[in-house]
Amino acid sequence: MKESIGNLSEQNARTLLNIIAPGSVLTSITIPDGSFSNYTHIVTAQLKDGSPYQIVVRRYKVFGDYDRGEKARREFKTFELLNQHKVPAPEALYLDETGDVLEIPGIVTRFVKGSLMMDTPPEPLDWARKLARTLAKIHSISCGEEEQKFLLKGNVEATWFLKYDLPPQYMQEYPGGADLWHMLRELSPKIQADAPVLLHIDYWSGNILWHENEISAVIDWEEAAYGDPTVDIAYARLNMVLMDLPDAADEFLRVYELEMGHRIKNLGFWELAASVRPMVDPQDWKVAGTSGLNSSIFLKFIEDAKKKV
């Protein structure tokens, strides 16, 4: 980890510690490796009894017209939900949706030991099985009216590109992108989903912490949603295939269905929808430490998905 006070001031950190751990003494503020978005800091302190204490402060940058307070509330409440269901995720400690304490809206969670596995895993099939079992546990959380109040609509989020009357420019520029848009536009009204479950929306290696070869936490729930579970499955499989791990992607699906006790629906449609994401910026697409999109693998994924529709 690299040492940096960044834009979380010592004063802010001490104010926060006085609220959640009175009598503790601030010792350091660091920025964790793999911070892809927003402002994330690890605050280390010493409690009154001398024991170490670590928390993670996550504050939200401005992206488009998103309400940062709403985003903080959504992620915090989702962590509370995950904690209730014993899903590996950080413990929710403090919500500041107005920025009164943290200066900008954010949340505080307990620090979880772990690191990101961004390179090709040494045992891809075992890795895929653990990812599948964890996702099955997440999808076992049903979302009723109360949960839907703070969650996004996952099916809408995963097909954001269909809200336009014409294919977005990035789809028009990518080979076959415009045709794919028309295909998804035609198929979308026909999709029949199961009862809505909790969705991550961005379930991939960059949001999974590992410790001692086990998943210690699923992080980055700011876009948490409810909807068709296959949304998460398709996106996870896309990333595995683009890592050139097609066998792992198939094992992931096999174990997930075994855990859930039934076959999933709509896989072809949601894999095609997931394939739109790399089209937004193909040159900046990164999986397993690589930069740029492998076009041949990507186009094969799309063709295979079409056969499932």
Foldseek 3Di string as FASTA:
>chain_A
DDFDCPPQHPQLVVLVCCVQANQKAWDGKHADPLPPFFGKIKTWIAHPVRHIFIKIKGAHDDDPPDQRLLLQVLQLVVLVVCVVLVQQAFHWGDWDSPCPRRVGGITMTGDWDFDFQQAQDPDLQLVLLQLLLSLLSQQVAADDPVSQVSAAALVCVLQVQLVDPAGPPLLVPDVCSRVLSVVLNVCVVVDDADHKGKDQLQDERSQFTDDPRHTNHGDDRSNIHIDHSLLRLLLHLLLCLQSVNNVSNVSSQVSNCVSNVHHGPDNLSSNSSSLVVCSVPQQQDDGNHDGGGPVVSSVVSNVVSVVVD
